[in-house]
Protein backbone atom coordinates (compact mmCIF):
# COMPACT_ATOMS: atom_id res chain seq x y z
CA MET A 1 -9.23 -40.11 -8.25
CA ASP A 2 -7.52 -43.37 -7.38
CA ARG A 3 -6.94 -44.71 -3.85
CA ARG A 4 -3.24 -43.84 -3.89
CA LEU A 5 -3.93 -40.18 -4.62
CA ALA A 6 -6.62 -40.10 -1.93
CA ALA A 7 -4.14 -41.59 0.57
CA ALA A 8 -1.50 -39.03 -0.44
CA ASP A 9 -4.01 -36.21 0.03
CA LEU A 10 -4.95 -37.56 3.45
CA ALA A 11 -1.28 -37.69 4.41
CA ARG A 12 -0.80 -34.06 3.29
CA VAL A 13 -3.80 -32.95 5.31
CA ALA A 14 -2.48 -34.74 8.40
CA VAL A 15 1.02 -33.30 8.02
CA PHE A 16 -0.21 -29.74 7.68
CA ALA A 17 -2.70 -30.11 10.55
CA GLY A 18 0.32 -31.20 12.61
CA LEU A 19 2.35 -28.24 11.35
CA ILE A 20 -0.31 -25.77 12.48
CA ALA A 21 -0.51 -27.50 15.86
CA ALA A 22 3.28 -27.37 16.24
CA LEU A 23 3.35 -23.67 15.38
CA SER A 24 0.73 -22.93 18.05
CA LEU A 25 2.82 -24.47 20.82
CA PRO A 26 6.06 -22.42 21.01
CA GLY A 27 4.35 -20.09 23.41
CA GLN A 28 2.21 -17.04 23.31
CA PHE A 29 2.29 -13.53 24.60
CA TYR A 30 -0.14 -10.67 24.64
CA LEU A 31 0.53 -7.22 23.18
CA PHE A 32 -0.62 -4.10 25.02
CA GLY A 33 -3.38 -5.77 26.98
CA SER A 34 -4.95 -7.49 23.97
CA SER A 35 -7.11 -10.58 24.56
CA VAL A 36 -5.69 -12.17 21.40
CA PRO A 37 -2.33 -13.91 21.83
CA VAL A 38 0.57 -13.64 19.41
CA THR A 39 1.33 -17.10 18.00
CA LEU A 40 2.71 -18.65 14.84
CA GLN A 41 -0.58 -20.35 13.92
CA THR A 42 -1.29 -17.90 11.10
CA LEU A 43 2.08 -18.77 9.54
CA GLY A 44 0.95 -22.39 9.44
CA VAL A 45 -2.41 -21.42 7.95
CA MET A 46 -0.67 -19.37 5.24
CA LEU A 47 1.73 -22.19 4.36
CA THR A 48 -1.13 -24.67 4.31
CA GLY A 49 -3.14 -22.64 1.81
CA LEU A 50 -0.10 -21.89 -0.36
CA LEU A 51 1.13 -25.48 -0.54
CA LEU A 52 -2.06 -27.55 -0.43
CA GLY A 53 -4.48 -25.32 -2.31
CA ALA A 54 -8.00 -24.32 -1.34
CA ARG A 55 -9.74 -27.63 -0.71
CA LEU A 56 -6.95 -29.57 1.02
CA GLY A 57 -5.75 -26.44 2.83
CA ALA A 58 -9.18 -25.90 4.37
CA LEU A 59 -9.42 -29.62 5.22
CA ALA A 60 -6.04 -29.50 6.99
CA VAL A 61 -7.16 -26.55 9.10
CA LEU A 62 -10.49 -28.23 9.85
CA ALA A 63 -8.58 -31.37 10.92
CA TYR A 64 -6.46 -29.23 13.25
CA LEU A 65 -9.58 -27.62 14.71
CA ALA A 66 -11.27 -31.02 15.14
CA ILE A 67 -8.23 -32.41 16.95
CA GLY A 68 -8.26 -29.45 19.33
CA ALA A 69 -12.02 -29.64 19.82
CA ALA A 70 -11.66 -33.34 20.69
CA GLY A 71 -9.46 -32.39 23.65
CA VAL A 72 -5.90 -32.56 22.33
CA PRO A 73 -4.07 -29.43 23.58
CA VAL A 74 -3.09 -28.02 20.18
CA PHE A 75 -4.53 -24.51 20.43
CA ALA A 76 -2.54 -21.47 21.56
CA GLY A 77 -1.13 -21.91 25.03
CA GLY A 78 -2.03 -25.61 25.09
CA ALA A 79 -5.78 -24.97 25.18
CA ALA A 80 -8.15 -27.70 24.04
CA GLY A 81 -11.81 -28.63 23.85
CA LEU A 82 -14.77 -26.52 22.81
CA ALA A 83 -14.14 -23.58 25.17
CA PRO A 84 -11.71 -21.81 22.80
CA PHE A 85 -14.46 -21.71 20.14
CA SER A 86 -16.83 -19.86 22.45
CA GLY A 87 -14.16 -17.52 23.83
CA PRO A 88 -12.98 -14.18 22.48
CA THR A 89 -10.60 -15.80 19.97
CA GLY A 90 -13.11 -18.32 18.60
CA GLY A 91 -13.71 -16.26 15.48
CA TYR A 92 -10.03 -16.40 14.60
CA LEU A 93 -10.09 -20.21 14.80
CA VAL A 94 -13.02 -20.36 12.38
CA GLY A 95 -11.32 -17.73 10.23
CA PHE A 96 -8.26 -19.95 9.85
CA ALA A 97 -10.20 -22.50 7.77
CA VAL A 98 -11.83 -19.87 5.57
CA GLY A 99 -8.51 -18.05 5.26
CA ALA A 100 -6.65 -21.18 4.11
CA PHE A 101 -9.33 -21.79 1.50
CA VAL A 102 -9.07 -18.23 0.17
CA ILE A 103 -5.25 -18.38 0.15
CA GLY A 104 -5.40 -21.58 -1.89
CA LEU A 105 -7.90 -20.11 -4.34
CA ILE A 106 -5.81 -17.02 -4.99
CA ALA A 107 -2.37 -18.64 -4.97
CA ARG A 108 -3.37 -21.56 -7.16
CA SER A 109 -5.11 -19.42 -9.76
CA SER A 110 -2.31 -20.38 -12.19
CA ARG A 111 -0.40 -23.61 -12.78
CA GLN A 112 2.85 -22.01 -11.66
CA PHE A 113 3.45 -20.50 -8.22
CA ARG A 114 4.09 -16.76 -8.42
CA PRO A 115 5.54 -15.23 -5.22
CA VAL A 116 3.75 -11.89 -5.67
CA VAL A 117 0.42 -13.68 -6.04
CA GLY A 118 1.33 -15.90 -3.09
CA PHE A 119 2.02 -12.87 -0.91
CA VAL A 120 -1.26 -11.23 -1.95
CA ALA A 121 -3.05 -14.51 -1.18
CA CYS A 122 -1.52 -14.55 2.32
CA VAL A 123 -2.52 -10.95 2.96
CA VAL A 124 -6.09 -11.42 1.71
CA GLY A 125 -6.79 -14.89 3.13
CA GLY A 126 -4.39 -15.12 6.04
CA ILE A 127 -4.84 -11.60 7.36
CA LEU A 128 -7.94 -9.83 6.02
CA VAL A 129 -10.28 -12.85 6.04
CA VAL A 130 -9.09 -14.03 9.47
CA TYR A 131 -9.47 -10.51 10.91
CA ALA A 132 -12.88 -10.08 9.25
CA ILE A 133 -14.17 -13.13 11.12
CA GLY A 134 -12.12 -12.82 14.30
CA VAL A 135 -12.57 -9.14 15.16
CA PRO A 136 -16.41 -9.09 15.23
CA VAL A 137 -16.45 -12.21 17.44
CA LEU A 138 -13.85 -10.60 19.73
CA ALA A 139 -16.03 -7.46 19.99
CA TRP A 140 -19.12 -9.56 20.71
CA ARG A 141 -17.54 -11.86 23.29
CA LEU A 142 -15.81 -9.06 25.21
CA ASP A 143 -18.57 -6.47 24.68
CA LEU A 144 -16.18 -4.05 22.97
CA ASP A 145 -16.98 -1.36 20.48
CA PHE A 146 -15.78 -2.27 16.99
CA GLY A 147 -12.96 0.31 16.98
CA THR A 148 -11.46 -1.06 20.20
CA ALA A 149 -11.81 -4.63 18.95
CA LEU A 150 -10.15 -3.69 15.67
CA ARG A 151 -7.27 -2.00 17.46
CA THR A 152 -6.69 -4.76 20.03
CA GLY A 153 -7.56 -7.70 17.76
CA ALA A 154 -6.08 -6.69 14.41
CA THR A 155 -4.13 -3.45 14.09
CA ILE A 156 -1.44 -4.32 16.63
CA PHE A 157 -0.91 -7.70 14.94
CA LEU A 158 -0.64 -6.38 11.39
CA PRO A 159 3.16 -5.82 11.27
CA GLY A 160 3.85 -9.34 12.57
CA ASP A 161 1.29 -10.90 10.26
CA LEU A 162 2.81 -9.12 7.27
CA ILE A 163 6.20 -10.59 8.22
CA LYS A 164 4.57 -14.03 8.44
CA ALA A 165 3.05 -13.49 4.97
CA VAL A 166 6.51 -12.70 3.56
CA LEU A 167 8.04 -15.70 5.33
CA ALA A 168 5.28 -18.06 4.14
CA THR A 169 5.72 -16.82 0.57
CA VAL A 170 9.50 -17.31 0.67
CA VAL A 171 9.15 -20.82 2.13
CA ALA A 172 6.47 -21.78 -0.42
CA ALA A 173 8.57 -20.45 -3.29
CA GLY A 174 11.50 -22.54 -2.07
CA VAL A 175 9.35 -25.66 -1.81
CA TYR A 176 7.95 -25.15 -5.31
CA ARG A 177 11.46 -24.56 -6.67
CA ALA A 178 12.68 -27.78 -5.05
CA TYR A 179 9.59 -29.75 -6.16
CA PRO A 180 8.31 -28.19 -9.40
CA ALA A 181 5.80 -31.00 -9.94
CA LEU A 182 4.04 -29.97 -6.71
CA ALA A 183 2.67 -26.78 -8.30
CA ARG A 184 1.29 -28.70 -11.28
CA ASP A 185 -0.19 -31.42 -9.05
CA THR A 186 -1.85 -28.88 -6.75
CA ALA A 187 -3.29 -26.91 -9.68
CA ALA A 188 -4.57 -30.11 -11.33
CA ARG A 189 -6.14 -31.29 -8.06
CA GLU A 190 -7.88 -27.92 -7.58
CA ALA A 191 -9.14 -27.94 -11.17
CA ALA A 192 -10.50 -31.49 -10.75
CA ALA A 193 -12.23 -30.52 -7.51
CA ALA A 194 -13.82 -27.51 -9.21
CA ARG A 195 -15.25 -29.74 -11.94
CA THR A 196 -16.94 -32.12 -9.48
């Protein structure tokens, strides 16, 4: 990998870390007494995985998390520092990085972006993986039984997250249509990373 490609990858990571931060700021609200806020962060995570692939997608989310941990108010509601990681929603933050990686793995399994596969990737990585990490931490931190944590930390968010998965897939399909070389570049980058 030459220096120019490495610089381009770094720029992509920074842009998508900024996108996730921007999507966490429009505000938040809580549904039915849930301790987990409704935000657009998961939309950013889904787009990141779809457009950057597994490795760079996870790096972009990790960059976003590092910026927030360093004290920049980029988490939901303008939160910052290490406290959000030890709070009831800390598992969701960690789940974002794993989710972006899984989305990238599934979506970039072929050299051409396929919207159906992209949607499945968003559902598996952006919803199921994030919930699988976030809900147990929510139950632990708030001393809830698993059923209550599942209801208040996942079930009530599912309709909105499915809409975000559709939206992310439509946006990614449009980007790949406008820039067809992006799909080939992302697939080639993922294949090269898998070989090393």
